[in-house]
Protein backbone atom coordinates (compact mmCIF):
# COMPACT_ATOMS: atom_id res chain seq x y z
CA MET A 1 58.63 165.61 95.28
CA SER A 2 61.52 168.01 94.71
CA VAL A 3 65.04 166.63 95.03
CA ASP A 4 66.81 167.67 98.24
CA PRO A 5 70.55 166.84 98.26
CA ARG A 6 70.33 166.35 102.03
CA ASP A 7 67.33 164.00 101.91
CA PRO A 8 67.94 160.63 100.22
CA TRP A 9 64.22 159.83 100.35
CA SER A 10 63.75 162.54 97.72
CA TRP A 11 66.40 161.15 95.36
CA PRO A 12 65.04 159.37 92.29
CA VAL A 13 65.63 155.64 92.04
CA HIS A 14 67.65 154.78 88.94
CA THR A 15 68.17 151.41 87.29
CA PHE A 16 71.38 149.87 85.97
CA GLU A 17 70.95 146.82 83.76
CA SER A 18 73.46 144.25 84.96
CA PRO A 19 73.95 140.89 83.19
CA LEU A 20 71.98 139.19 85.99
CA GLY A 21 69.15 141.70 86.30
CA PRO A 22 68.29 145.33 87.02
CA ILE A 23 70.07 147.08 89.88
CA ALA A 24 68.22 149.87 91.69
CA TYR A 25 70.30 152.71 93.11
CA VAL A 26 70.08 156.31 94.27
CA ASP A 27 72.67 158.96 93.48
CA SER A 28 73.13 162.29 95.23
CA GLY A 29 74.71 163.77 92.11
CA GLY A 30 77.28 165.65 94.18
CA GLU A 31 80.55 166.78 92.67
CA GLY A 32 82.72 165.75 95.62
CA SER A 33 84.51 162.54 96.50
CA PRO A 34 82.44 159.46 95.52
CA LEU A 35 81.13 157.11 98.20
CA LEU A 36 79.65 153.75 97.14
CA LEU A 37 77.42 152.24 99.83
CA VAL A 38 76.67 148.50 99.95
CA HIS A 39 74.09 147.10 102.40
CA GLY A 40 73.93 143.59 103.83
CA LEU A 41 71.39 140.99 104.98
CA PRO A 42 68.41 141.46 105.27
CA THR A 43 68.34 145.16 104.45
CA ALA A 44 68.43 147.40 101.36
CA LYS A 45 69.79 150.77 100.25
CA GLU A 46 67.47 152.49 102.76
CA LEU A 47 69.77 151.19 105.53
CA TRP A 48 71.96 154.20 104.72
CA PHE A 49 69.25 156.85 104.61
CA PRO A 50 69.43 157.85 108.31
CA LEU A 51 73.22 158.23 107.97
CA ILE A 52 73.43 160.23 104.75
CA PRO A 53 72.08 163.56 106.13
CA HIS A 54 74.92 163.57 108.69
CA LEU A 55 77.62 163.47 105.99
CA PRO A 56 79.16 166.67 104.60
CA PRO A 57 77.28 168.17 101.65
CA GLY A 58 78.61 167.88 98.14
CA LEU A 59 79.86 164.29 98.32
CA ARG A 60 78.85 161.99 95.45
CA ILE A 61 76.87 159.34 97.32
CA VAL A 62 75.60 156.23 95.54
CA ALA A 63 73.64 153.54 97.43
CA LEU A 64 72.45 150.42 95.63
CA ASP A 65 70.22 147.43 96.24
CA LEU A 66 72.11 144.18 95.72
CA LEU A 67 70.43 141.58 93.52
CA ASN A 68 67.53 139.84 95.31
CA TYR A 69 67.18 142.83 97.67
CA GLY A 70 65.08 145.98 97.70
CA ALA A 71 63.98 147.27 94.30
CA SER A 72 66.65 145.36 92.37
CA GLY A 73 65.94 142.31 90.24
CA LYS A 74 65.04 138.98 91.82
CA PRO A 75 66.73 136.15 89.92
CA ARG A 76 65.13 132.81 90.75
CA ARG A 77 68.39 131.52 92.14
CA GLN A 78 71.05 132.26 94.72
CA VAL A 79 73.39 135.08 93.69
CA HIS A 80 76.98 134.44 94.74
CA HIS A 81 79.09 137.07 96.48
CA ARG A 82 81.54 137.20 93.57
CA GLU A 83 78.64 137.95 91.21
CA GLN A 84 77.41 140.72 93.52
CA ALA A 85 80.96 142.11 93.65
CA ALA A 86 81.20 142.15 89.85
CA ILE A 87 77.91 144.06 89.70
CA VAL A 88 79.08 146.60 92.29
CA ASP A 89 82.20 147.27 90.22
CA ALA A 90 80.19 147.38 86.97
CA LEU A 91 77.91 150.04 88.49
CA ARG A 92 80.96 152.04 89.57
CA ARG A 93 82.31 151.96 86.03
CA HIS A 94 78.88 152.67 84.50
CA LEU A 95 78.58 155.85 86.57
CA GLY A 96 82.15 156.94 85.83
CA LEU A 97 82.94 157.24 89.52
CA GLY A 98 86.64 156.46 89.21
CA GLU A 99 88.19 155.38 92.50
CA VAL A 100 85.60 155.31 95.26
CA THR A 101 85.42 155.06 99.01
CA LEU A 102 83.68 151.70 99.35
CA ILE A 103 81.53 151.54 102.49
CA ALA A 104 79.90 148.21 103.20
CA HIS A 105 77.84 146.64 106.00
CA ASP A 106 77.33 143.03 107.14
CA LEU A 107 77.25 140.68 104.13
CA GLY A 108 77.86 143.76 102.02
CA ALA A 109 81.27 143.84 103.72
CA SER A 110 81.78 140.26 102.53
CA VAL A 111 80.93 141.39 99.00
CA ALA A 112 83.41 144.23 99.46
CA ILE A 113 86.17 141.70 100.18
CA ASP A 114 85.38 140.07 96.84
CA VAL A 115 85.54 143.51 95.23
CA MET A 116 89.01 143.94 96.72
CA GLY A 117 89.99 140.52 95.42
CA ALA A 118 88.82 141.02 91.82
CA HIS A 119 88.52 144.79 91.28
CA PRO A 120 90.88 146.59 93.70
CA GLU A 121 91.73 149.25 91.13
CA GLY A 122 88.34 150.87 91.69
CA VAL A 123 88.71 151.43 95.44
CA ALA A 124 90.70 154.29 97.00
CA ARG A 125 89.49 153.84 100.58
CA LEU A 126 87.60 151.07 102.34
CA ILE A 127 85.23 151.10 105.31
CA LEU A 128 83.91 147.77 106.59
CA MET A 129 81.04 147.88 109.07
CA SER A 130 79.90 144.92 111.22
CA PRO A 131 81.87 142.61 108.90
CA PRO A 132 81.51 138.81 108.71
CA VAL A 133 84.56 137.92 106.62
CA TYR A 134 86.35 134.86 108.01
CA PRO A 135 85.68 131.17 107.28
CA GLU A 136 85.27 130.48 111.01
CA PHE A 137 82.34 132.91 111.28
CA ARG A 138 79.33 131.26 112.92
CA GLU A 139 75.98 132.25 111.54
CA PRO A 140 73.31 133.42 113.98
CA PRO A 141 71.02 130.61 115.21
CA VAL A 142 67.98 132.21 113.55
CA VAL A 143 69.68 131.92 110.14
CA LYS A 144 70.43 128.26 110.74
CA LEU A 145 66.81 127.71 111.82
CA LEU A 146 65.38 129.37 108.74
CA ARG A 147 67.59 127.28 106.48
CA LEU A 148 66.10 124.02 107.73
CA PRO A 149 64.14 122.26 104.97
CA GLY A 150 60.44 122.35 105.64
CA LEU A 151 60.46 124.14 109.00
CA GLY A 152 62.49 127.11 107.87
CA HIS A 153 60.53 127.55 104.66
CA GLY A 154 57.28 127.30 106.59
CA LEU A 155 58.33 129.94 109.09
CA LEU A 156 59.33 132.31 106.30
CA ALA A 157 56.03 131.77 104.51
CA LEU A 158 53.98 132.43 107.64
CA ALA A 159 55.93 135.02 109.59
CA THR A 160 58.41 136.94 107.45
CA PRO A 161 57.44 140.41 108.87
CA LEU A 162 57.67 139.14 112.45
CA LEU A 163 61.03 137.43 111.85
CA PHE A 164 62.38 140.51 110.08
CA ARG A 165 61.39 142.79 112.93
CA ALA A 166 62.86 140.42 115.53
CA ALA A 167 66.19 140.06 113.72
CA MET A 168 66.48 143.80 113.12
CA GLY A 169 65.40 144.65 116.66
CA ARG A 170 68.02 142.37 118.18
CA GLY A 171 70.67 144.25 116.19
CA LEU A 172 69.65 147.69 117.44
CA VAL A 173 70.23 149.50 120.71
CA HIS A 174 67.71 152.17 119.66
CA ARG A 175 64.87 150.12 118.25
CA ALA A 176 62.61 153.13 117.70
CA ARG A 177 65.02 154.33 115.03
CA LEU A 178 63.83 151.52 112.79
CA THR A 179 60.91 153.66 111.70
CA PRO A 180 57.89 152.37 109.78
CA ARG A 181 59.16 154.07 106.64
CA ILE A 182 62.53 152.34 106.76
CA ARG A 183 61.00 149.01 107.73
CA ARG A 184 58.48 149.10 104.88
CA ALA A 185 61.17 149.94 102.33
CA MET A 186 63.15 146.88 103.37
CA ILE A 187 60.42 144.32 103.96
CA ASP A 188 57.88 145.12 101.22
CA PRO A 189 60.09 143.56 98.50
CA TYR A 190 60.10 140.32 100.51
CA ARG A 191 56.30 140.42 100.64
CA ARG A 192 56.11 140.82 96.87
CA ASP A 193 58.59 138.00 96.18
CA LYS A 194 58.09 135.31 98.79
CA GLY A 195 61.27 133.47 97.81
CA ALA A 196 63.70 136.40 97.89
CA LEU A 197 64.46 136.29 101.60
CA ARG A 198 64.90 132.52 101.49
CA ARG A 199 67.36 132.85 98.61
CA ASN A 200 69.27 135.55 100.49
CA LEU A 201 69.47 133.41 103.61
CA TRP A 202 70.95 130.65 101.47
CA TRP A 203 73.91 132.81 100.46
CA GLY A 204 76.32 129.96 101.25
CA ARG A 205 78.39 128.58 104.10
CA PRO A 206 81.11 130.81 105.59
CA ALA A 207 83.70 128.03 105.43
CA GLU A 208 83.19 127.89 101.66
CA VAL A 209 82.24 131.44 100.65
CA PHE A 210 84.90 133.06 102.84
CA ALA A 211 87.63 130.48 102.17
CA ALA A 212 89.75 132.83 100.03
CA TYR A 213 89.08 135.93 102.12
CA PRO A 214 92.05 135.72 104.55
CA GLU A 215 94.49 135.94 101.65
CA ILE A 216 92.53 138.78 99.99
CA ILE A 217 92.37 140.63 103.31
CA ARG A 218 96.13 140.43 103.80
CA ARG A 219 96.61 141.95 100.33
CA ILE A 220 94.41 145.00 100.96
CA ALA A 221 96.62 148.04 100.38
CA VAL A 222 94.15 150.95 100.60
CA PRO A 223 93.39 152.93 103.78
CA THR A 224 90.86 150.85 105.69
CA MET A 225 88.60 151.55 108.65
CA ILE A 226 86.57 148.96 110.54
CA ILE A 227 83.47 150.19 112.37
CA GLN A 228 81.85 147.94 114.95
CA GLY A 229 79.10 148.34 117.54
CA CYS A 230 80.03 147.43 121.10
CA ALA A 231 76.63 145.74 121.51
CA ASP A 232 76.69 143.79 118.22
CA PRO A 233 75.07 140.39 118.88
CA TYR A 234 75.97 138.96 115.47
CA ILE A 235 79.65 139.74 114.78
CA PRO A 236 82.17 138.58 117.41
CA HIS A 237 84.65 141.24 118.48
CA ALA A 238 87.45 138.70 117.99
CA GLN A 239 86.79 138.76 114.24
CA VAL A 240 87.08 142.56 114.24
CA GLN A 241 90.38 142.34 116.12
CA ARG A 242 91.66 139.78 113.63
CA LEU A 243 90.66 141.96 110.69
CA HIS A 244 92.40 144.90 112.32
CA GLN A 245 95.60 142.87 112.58
CA ASP A 246 95.38 141.42 109.08
CA VAL A 247 94.89 144.69 107.16
CA ALA A 248 98.06 146.76 107.23
CA GLY A 249 97.46 150.18 108.76
CA ALA A 250 93.76 149.61 109.41
CA THR A 251 91.97 151.60 112.10
CA VAL A 252 89.02 150.51 114.24
CA ARG A 253 86.21 152.65 115.56
CA MET A 254 84.01 151.09 118.22
CA ILE A 255 80.55 152.63 118.57
CA ALA A 256 79.70 152.47 122.27
CA ASP A 257 75.99 153.17 121.84
CA GLY A 258 75.37 150.90 118.87
CA ALA A 259 74.77 147.26 117.95
CA HIS A 260 74.74 145.71 114.46
CA PHE A 261 72.67 147.92 112.15
CA LEU A 262 74.84 150.95 112.84
CA PRO A 263 73.69 153.31 110.05
CA ILE A 264 70.24 153.22 111.68
CA ASP A 265 71.34 152.79 115.29
CA ALA A 266 74.09 155.43 115.51
CA PRO A 267 74.07 157.52 112.32
CA GLU A 268 75.84 160.57 113.74
CA GLU A 269 78.66 158.55 115.26
CA VAL A 270 79.15 156.49 112.10
CA ALA A 271 79.10 159.60 109.91
CA ALA A 272 81.76 161.17 112.13
CA ALA A 273 83.95 158.07 111.72
CA ILE A 274 83.52 158.16 107.93
CA VAL A 275 84.47 161.84 107.79
CA GLU A 276 87.49 161.12 109.98
CA HIS A 277 88.63 158.44 107.53
CA LEU A 278 88.11 160.67 104.50
CA ALA A 279 90.00 163.53 106.13
CA ALA A 280 92.88 161.29 107.25
CA HIS A 281 93.41 159.92 103.74
CA PRO A 282 92.62 162.70 101.25
CA ARG A 283 93.07 162.26 97.52
CA ARG A 284 94.46 165.02 95.34
CA SER A 285 91.20 165.15 93.41
CA ASP A 286 89.06 165.54 96.54
CA PRO A 287 87.57 168.98 97.16
CA PRO A 288 87.68 170.11 100.80
CA LEU A 289 85.01 168.57 103.02
CA ARG A 290 82.34 171.12 103.85
CA ALA A 291 80.68 171.57 107.22
CA HIS A 292 77.03 170.65 107.41
CA ALA A 293 74.00 171.51 109.53
CA ARG A 294 72.40 168.94 111.77
CA PRO A 295 69.49 167.27 109.91
CA ALA A 296 66.01 167.62 111.34
CA SER A 297 65.00 163.98 110.94
CA ALA A 298 66.53 160.68 109.90
CA ASP A 299 63.38 160.00 107.88
CA GLY A 300 63.74 163.19 105.87
CA PRO A 301 61.61 166.33 106.14
CA GLN A 302 58.40 164.48 105.26
CA GLY A 303 59.07 161.21 107.10
CA PRO A 304 57.44 159.92 110.28
CA ARG A 305 59.43 159.96 113.52
CA GLY A 306 57.85 157.18 115.48
CA ALA A 307 58.33 153.44 115.14
């Protein structure tokens, strides 16, 4: 397949050897401002693929699979958020990206807070999407159920595809946009490694993992945007309001026709918010943002349309 800068499905998958295992990522190779995209639970880099064609051409777009997700390595243990954050920053340095716009979703947004705590020098702008970042965050009941010894492990062993589809579907207004191609890219790695999803679900308790986040959040000094779906069933709006208050100068964009998995659910609206943030906070080194044509399909030119 030839490489199309507008179609992330055509981009080759590269590997970065981190100290904890190989990290799979795609890279647009553009010469413009660098965007580093970090997915959350239970997705993978393909979460961003419906969104990318709606962004202006020429941007340097890098999307990675966190450890234990997608095509990245599967250590036989839980990987802590701080370790994921160190890997994200190591990939940034490996690629020579300089200061990036860090765009992160769900638990990827939690990892992004750890990036801001330990490696803030690498981030010029920050966009947090559907972010669980406070110690008081209450995990969805399905996560608590699947963590139960015995019962949870049994359910994962017997019905991972069904549970994945149910959890993703609940977080989408437009369920048909979770196409078979996207779904396969995210769930097939869990079929190949039966323990990966269980390890990801055991990422830790919010009261412990997020304990230092309020202080880190108050220290964030880069332009920050928070993007949230009005129909998000997983992230309380009160947490978004608190984050808005705690980050000096932060802006919030509410997506009226979107739920939790916004890059799939509302790619055009999210892309417009990202472009707005880039344009509002330009860097001297940024070339002008170029206009772009509307993409034909979120699955790429060769991808299926139906769910």
